Amino acid sequence: MRRGVLALAVLVVGATLAIVAQAGDELVLPGVTRATFDNGLRVTVAEYHELPLVEFYLIVGAGAAQDPTGKDGLAALTAGTLTRGAGRLSAEALARAIESLGGRLGASAGTDGTIVTGEFLAKDFGAGLDLLRQVVLDPGFARDEVRRARDEQVAGIVASLEDTSAVAEKCFAAFLYGSHPYGRPLDGRRATVPGLGRGDVRDFYDRWYRPNNTILVLVGDVEAHTAVVGLREAFGAWRPRADALPERLPPPARVAGRRLLLVDKPDA
């Protein structure tokens, strides 16, 4: 979630700077409309009419910290498979549908959450929202697509071992947090990811991808009332689940004293 929140902050700061630049020294913030649907989905809409675009940020409150024991990398694999086919659309057909609108849809898992992002032209708000709905509510999780995503994730893990900064990041998290969930690598481990399958992905999705564990932010060239009505039609029937809310993690152990970690990489 930390990385996802950063991306959302960049969007908000960028929009704010653009508004300030146009208004001189006067800070003019866009109007914000908030709503909570009956199923628990929290919605925030910010009108921004300077560009003919709409941006979706759907934040699910589950990430690598919710990976089951021995299944590190499952949150990342679930996010990586989410946009590989949805509803009646295969992975290829979904990609074509997004491309035909000149839009984009993607998903990535962080430590505390997963963010599904989308961008479409304002005139395609309805079509883009429908594609987002299918991806979030009816992902295909075809066996072959899960396998391909898993193989790509493993390849990425292996390749990252040749990147000294990536090695440092992985080692630092484990060194600082130890066995705490924050010490897990986001993309998992070579020993765990190959054993993940479609059933694991489906179980993770069914447990955590629920409206009462989700925030949906919409920023763009759309009237707030129209946006809320459209979002309610798209996600109002999404069924909540009582155990979808993660338990608050205990704080990591306090660091006492100065420590030093040396990673031997002779070929660097």
Protein backbone atom coordinates (compact mmCIF):
# COMPACT_ATOMS: atom_id res chain seq x y z
CA MET A 1 0.00 0.00 0.00
CA ARG A 2 2.86 2.37 0.75
CA ARG A 3 3.94 2.44 -2.90
CA GLY A 4 0.34 2.80 -4.06
CA VAL A 5 -0.29 5.71 -1.72
CA LEU A 6 2.82 7.37 -3.13
CA ALA A 7 1.44 7.05 -6.66
CA LEU A 8 -1.87 8.55 -5.56
CA ALA A 9 -0.03 11.39 -3.79
CA VAL A 10 1.92 12.16 -6.96
CA LEU A 11 -1.36 12.43 -8.90
CA VAL A 12 -2.90 14.78 -6.33
CA VAL A 13 0.23 16.93 -6.07
CA GLY A 14 0.51 17.13 -9.86
CA ALA A 15 -3.10 18.23 -10.22
CA THR A 16 -2.68 20.77 -7.42
CA LEU A 17 0.45 22.27 -8.96
CA ALA A 18 -1.33 22.61 -12.30
CA ILE A 19 -4.21 24.42 -10.64
CA VAL A 20 -1.87 26.72 -8.72
CA ALA A 21 0.06 27.54 -11.89
CA GLN A 22 -3.15 28.55 -13.64
CA ALA A 23 -4.55 30.52 -10.72
CA GLY A 24 -1.37 32.44 -9.86
CA ASP A 25 -0.66 32.58 -6.15
CA GLU A 26 -4.16 31.54 -5.15
CA LEU A 27 -4.58 27.87 -4.27
CA VAL A 28 -7.81 26.52 -5.73
CA LEU A 29 -8.56 22.93 -4.82
CA PRO A 30 -11.06 20.86 -6.83
CA GLY A 31 -14.30 19.91 -5.17
CA VAL A 32 -14.32 16.47 -3.55
CA THR A 33 -17.40 14.28 -3.17
CA ARG A 34 -17.38 11.28 -0.84
CA ALA A 35 -19.85 8.44 -0.51
CA THR A 36 -20.03 5.07 1.19
CA PHE A 37 -22.18 2.46 -0.53
CA ASP A 38 -24.35 -0.03 1.33
CA ASN A 39 -21.79 -2.79 0.69
CA GLY A 40 -19.06 -0.78 2.44
CA LEU A 41 -17.24 0.52 -0.65
CA ARG A 42 -15.83 3.98 0.05
CA VAL A 43 -15.83 6.30 -2.95
CA THR A 44 -14.07 9.63 -3.45
CA VAL A 45 -14.61 11.72 -6.59
CA ALA A 46 -12.56 14.83 -7.41
CA GLU A 47 -13.66 16.86 -10.40
CA TYR A 48 -10.78 18.12 -12.57
CA HIS A 49 -11.89 19.63 -15.85
CA GLU A 50 -8.58 20.93 -17.18
CA LEU A 51 -7.89 17.70 -19.10
CA PRO A 52 -10.44 15.44 -20.86
CA LEU A 53 -9.40 12.40 -18.82
CA VAL A 54 -10.69 10.25 -15.97
CA GLU A 55 -8.36 8.36 -13.65
CA PHE A 56 -9.43 5.45 -11.44
CA TYR A 57 -7.54 4.32 -8.34
CA LEU A 58 -9.10 1.29 -6.69
CA ILE A 59 -7.26 0.41 -3.49
CA VAL A 60 -7.80 -3.04 -1.96
CA GLY A 61 -6.54 -3.31 1.61
CA ALA A 62 -4.48 -6.49 1.17
CA GLY A 63 -0.93 -6.97 -0.07
CA ALA A 64 2.20 -8.94 0.65
CA ALA A 65 1.58 -8.66 4.39
CA GLN A 66 -1.50 -10.84 3.87
CA ASP A 67 0.34 -13.56 1.94
CA PRO A 68 -0.31 -16.90 3.67
CA THR A 69 2.63 -18.59 5.35
CA GLY A 70 4.80 -20.32 2.77
CA LYS A 71 3.08 -18.52 -0.13
CA ASP A 72 5.11 -15.35 -0.37
CA GLY A 73 4.35 -13.53 -3.62
CA LEU A 74 0.68 -14.52 -3.81
CA ALA A 75 -0.65 -10.95 -3.56
CA ALA A 76 1.68 -9.93 -6.40
CA LEU A 77 0.64 -12.91 -8.52
CA THR A 78 -3.05 -12.15 -7.96
CA ALA A 79 -2.54 -8.54 -9.04
CA GLY A 80 -0.43 -9.65 -11.99
CA THR A 81 -3.16 -11.98 -13.24
CA LEU A 82 -6.07 -9.62 -12.59
CA THR A 83 -5.94 -7.89 -15.99
CA ARG A 84 -5.28 -11.04 -18.03
CA GLY A 85 -8.85 -11.62 -19.08
CA ALA A 86 -12.17 -10.72 -17.45
CA GLY A 87 -15.82 -11.53 -17.94
CA ARG A 88 -16.19 -13.03 -21.41
CA LEU A 89 -13.01 -11.34 -22.61
CA SER A 90 -9.81 -13.33 -22.98
CA ALA A 91 -6.52 -11.68 -22.10
CA GLU A 92 -6.01 -10.70 -25.74
CA ALA A 93 -9.58 -9.44 -26.17
CA LEU A 94 -9.36 -7.39 -22.97
CA ALA A 95 -6.09 -5.83 -24.10
CA ARG A 96 -7.66 -4.95 -27.46
CA ALA A 97 -10.71 -3.41 -25.78
CA ILE A 98 -8.52 -1.21 -23.57
CA GLU A 99 -6.30 -0.24 -26.50
CA SER A 100 -9.29 0.62 -28.70
CA LEU A 101 -10.24 3.29 -26.14
CA GLY A 102 -6.69 4.60 -25.93
CA GLY A 103 -6.78 3.78 -22.21
CA ARG A 104 -4.86 1.70 -19.75
CA LEU A 105 -5.62 -0.69 -16.90
CA GLY A 106 -3.11 -2.19 -14.52
CA ALA A 107 -2.72 -3.64 -11.05
CA SER A 108 0.18 -3.93 -8.63
CA ALA A 109 0.52 -5.20 -5.08
CA GLY A 110 2.34 -3.40 -2.30
CA THR A 111 3.01 -4.29 1.31
CA ASP A 112 -0.37 -3.37 2.80
CA GLY A 113 -2.55 -3.15 -0.27
CA THR A 114 -3.13 -3.64 -3.98
CA ILE A 115 -3.93 -0.81 -6.38
CA VAL A 116 -5.85 -1.21 -9.62
CA THR A 117 -5.39 1.85 -11.83
CA GLY A 118 -7.16 2.95 -14.97
CA GLU A 119 -7.09 5.95 -17.29
CA PHE A 120 -9.53 6.74 -20.10
CA LEU A 121 -10.75 9.71 -22.07
CA ALA A 122 -13.65 11.45 -20.38
CA LYS A 123 -15.93 10.69 -23.33
CA ASP A 124 -15.25 6.98 -22.73
CA PHE A 125 -16.06 7.15 -19.02
CA GLY A 126 -18.86 4.57 -19.30
CA ALA A 127 -16.88 2.10 -21.41
CA GLY A 128 -13.77 2.45 -19.25
CA LEU A 129 -15.76 1.99 -16.06
CA ASP A 130 -17.32 -1.18 -17.48
CA LEU A 131 -13.87 -2.63 -18.24
CA LEU A 132 -12.71 -1.75 -14.73
CA ARG A 133 -15.82 -3.41 -13.32
CA GLN A 134 -15.15 -6.62 -15.23
CA VAL A 135 -11.52 -6.71 -14.16
CA VAL A 136 -12.33 -6.16 -10.48
CA LEU A 137 -15.55 -8.17 -10.15
CA ASP A 138 -15.13 -10.91 -12.75
CA PRO A 139 -11.46 -11.67 -13.42
CA GLY A 140 -10.90 -14.74 -15.56
CA PHE A 141 -7.89 -16.22 -13.77
CA ALA A 142 -7.50 -18.67 -16.63
CA ARG A 143 -5.10 -21.46 -15.70
CA ASP A 144 -2.71 -20.69 -18.56
CA GLU A 145 -2.66 -16.98 -17.72
CA VAL A 146 -1.91 -17.69 -14.07
CA ARG A 147 0.91 -19.98 -15.14
CA ARG A 148 2.34 -17.36 -17.50
CA ALA A 149 2.12 -14.64 -14.86
CA ARG A 150 3.78 -16.95 -12.33
CA ASP A 151 6.62 -17.80 -14.71
CA GLU A 152 7.18 -14.12 -15.45
CA GLN A 153 7.22 -13.38 -11.73
CA VAL A 154 9.83 -16.07 -11.11
CA ALA A 155 11.92 -14.77 -14.01
CA GLY A 156 11.70 -11.29 -12.53
CA ILE A 157 12.89 -12.55 -9.16
CA VAL A 158 15.88 -14.28 -10.76
CA ALA A 159 16.72 -11.23 -12.86
CA SER A 160 16.52 -8.94 -9.82
CA LEU A 161 19.34 -10.87 -8.19
CA GLU A 162 21.67 -9.33 -10.79
CA ASP A 163 20.57 -5.81 -9.80
CA THR A 164 22.53 -4.62 -6.78
CA SER A 165 19.91 -2.04 -5.78
CA ALA A 166 17.17 -4.70 -5.90
CA VAL A 167 19.29 -7.04 -3.78
CA ALA A 168 19.91 -4.23 -1.30
CA GLU A 169 16.18 -3.49 -1.06
CA LYS A 170 15.27 -7.12 -0.42
CA CYS A 171 18.04 -7.64 2.12
CA PHE A 172 17.34 -4.37 3.91
CA ALA A 173 13.65 -5.16 4.46
CA ALA A 174 14.43 -8.63 5.83
CA PHE A 175 17.28 -7.26 7.97
CA LEU A 176 15.17 -4.44 9.42
CA TYR A 177 11.85 -6.24 9.95
CA GLY A 178 13.01 -9.84 10.43
CA SER A 179 10.08 -12.29 10.50
CA HIS A 180 7.51 -9.48 10.55
CA PRO A 181 5.32 -9.41 7.40
CA TYR A 182 6.98 -6.14 6.35
CA GLY A 183 10.18 -8.09 5.85
CA ARG A 184 8.71 -10.15 3.01
CA PRO A 185 9.74 -9.40 -0.57
CA LEU A 186 6.74 -8.05 -2.49
CA ASP A 187 7.28 -10.39 -5.44
CA GLY A 188 7.89 -13.44 -3.27
CA ARG A 189 10.77 -15.89 -3.28
CA ARG A 190 12.17 -18.43 -5.73
CA ALA A 191 11.24 -21.14 -3.24
CA THR A 192 7.57 -20.11 -2.92
CA VAL A 193 6.30 -18.58 -6.17
CA PRO A 194 6.75 -21.70 -8.39
CA GLY A 195 4.36 -23.59 -6.10
CA LEU A 196 1.54 -21.06 -6.44
CA GLY A 197 -1.42 -21.96 -8.65
CA ARG A 198 -4.81 -20.85 -9.84
CA GLY A 199 -6.52 -22.08 -6.67
CA ASP A 200 -4.24 -19.95 -4.50
CA VAL A 201 -4.94 -16.87 -6.63
CA ARG A 202 -8.68 -17.47 -6.53
CA ASP A 203 -8.64 -17.98 -2.75
CA PHE A 204 -6.68 -14.76 -2.17
CA TYR A 205 -9.02 -12.84 -4.46
CA ASP A 206 -12.18 -14.26 -2.89
CA ARG A 207 -10.97 -13.41 0.62
CA TRP A 208 -9.61 -9.90 0.20
CA TYR A 209 -11.08 -8.33 -2.94
CA ARG A 210 -14.28 -7.14 -1.26
CA PRO A 211 -16.03 -3.75 -1.20
CA ASN A 212 -15.76 -3.37 2.58
CA ASN A 213 -11.97 -3.65 2.16
CA THR A 214 -11.73 -1.22 -0.78
CA ILE A 215 -11.48 2.49 -1.51
CA LEU A 216 -12.25 3.79 -5.00
CA VAL A 217 -10.87 7.19 -6.01
CA LEU A 218 -11.91 8.88 -9.25
CA VAL A 219 -10.25 12.06 -10.50
CA GLY A 220 -11.17 13.64 -13.79
CA ASP A 221 -13.36 15.51 -16.21
CA VAL A 222 -16.71 14.23 -15.02
CA GLU A 223 -19.54 15.60 -12.92
CA ALA A 224 -19.37 14.18 -9.40
CA HIS A 225 -23.05 13.22 -9.28
CA THR A 226 -22.82 11.41 -12.62
CA ALA A 227 -19.66 9.63 -11.48
CA VAL A 228 -21.17 8.45 -8.18
CA VAL A 229 -24.27 7.14 -9.96
CA GLY A 230 -22.12 5.27 -12.46
CA LEU A 231 -19.89 3.82 -9.75
CA ARG A 232 -22.91 2.71 -7.74
CA GLU A 233 -24.37 0.95 -10.78
CA ALA A 234 -21.05 -0.75 -11.47
CA PHE A 235 -20.06 -1.78 -7.93
CA GLY A 236 -23.21 -1.54 -5.83
CA ALA A 237 -23.94 -5.29 -6.12
CA TRP A 238 -20.38 -6.28 -5.13
CA ARG A 239 -20.82 -8.54 -2.11
CA PRO A 240 -18.90 -7.79 1.09
CA ARG A 241 -17.31 -10.39 3.32
CA ALA A 242 -16.99 -10.09 7.09
CA ASP A 243 -13.43 -11.45 7.26
CA ALA A 244 -12.14 -9.32 4.38
CA LEU A 245 -10.71 -6.69 6.73
CA PRO A 246 -7.12 -7.57 7.69
CA GLU A 247 -6.25 -7.60 11.36
CA ARG A 248 -4.03 -4.74 12.40
CA LEU A 249 -0.45 -5.96 12.29
CA PRO A 250 1.61 -5.72 15.46
CA PRO A 251 4.45 -3.20 15.30
CA PRO A 252 7.84 -4.56 14.23
CA ALA A 253 10.38 -5.20 16.97
CA ARG A 254 12.27 -2.09 18.00
CA VAL A 255 15.79 -1.77 16.64
CA ALA A 256 18.29 -1.56 19.48
CA GLY A 257 21.81 -0.43 18.79
CA ARG A 258 23.69 -0.06 15.54
CA ARG A 259 23.84 -2.99 13.15
CA LEU A 260 25.65 -3.61 9.90
CA LEU A 261 24.68 -5.94 7.05
CA LEU A 262 27.23 -6.91 4.40
CA VAL A 263 26.02 -8.73 1.29
CA ASP A 264 28.79 -10.52 -0.57
CA LYS A 265 28.29 -10.23 -4.33
CA PRO A 266 31.66 -10.95 -5.94
CA ASP A 267 30.44 -10.49 -9.52
CA ALA A 268 29.12 -6.94 -8.94
